Amino acid sequence: MKKTALITGAATRLGKELALALADREYDVIIHYNRSTEEAQQTAAKAEAKGSQAFLLQKDLTADVSGLVSQAQELCSGSLALLINSASCYESGQIRDTTVDQFDRIFQTNLRAPFFLAQEFRAEAGSGQIINILDNKIHFAQFAYSAYALSKKALADLTLLAAREFAPDIRVNGIAPGVILPQKNRSQEYLTWRLDNIPLKRKGHVADIIHALDFLLRSDFLTGQIITVDGGESIQPAGRDFTGYGSE
């Protein structure tokens, strides 16, 4: 029986790329999505064209996620071996400007959902691996993204906590991307400014994240680790973000 991976937020952007990469690596995939129905169907079709089974699973992660992993297990007849928490709510906002609704929306998606999905994965799958998709903002104090940055920093800590609690049966690791898939509304001038602060002086590619994924899949003596894929940006004294562009 082939192994199956559940990838949250797998209809678009990085989640989609992770799902398709796993299909290439002979995983069946469960494509979680919220509102992106058409895109989820397209991702499923591409995964099936690679010879994998693809299942669709819709859920708003700001709601109660209990039962989601059980549904995934039913879809794949109990072959679930990998959970990738890729879905993310990405919003800027300084502490003084962040509303309660915004804070809750970000934390429900970026921390609460991965927390309880990991809990249920432990109970339902019993073995395998969890990979949390983080952000290189965990290495900075970028207050312009206060709630978002805090949620990802907390998810990084959850990665370490779960790695200790779930060992030896489940390995838990993280990947923290830098400039890989910039927002479509970012100008070339902004990207040039941002990349100037990266030691390798260039943006990364989805393939760089997939290389990290491959490493985590194959390295069964690895748990509680976070691989930062950002061209060295996180070793700089301060990171750059869109809210600081043009202020210098």
Foldseek 3Di string as FASTA:
>chain_A
DAAEEEFAPCLDDLNLVVQQLVLLVRHAYEYEDEPNVVSLVVSQVSSVVSVHHYHYDYDQLLDDCPCVVVVVCVVVVLRYAEYELDDFDFDWAAPVGDDPVNLSSRLSNLPVSVLVVLVVCCVRNVAHEYEYEAALLCLADPRRRVSNNVSRVVVLVVQQVCCVVSPPRYAGEYEHEYQEPDDPPDDPVNVQVQLVLAPVSDGHYSVQVVVVVVCVRPPSVDHSYYHYHYNRNSVGPHHDDDVCPPVD
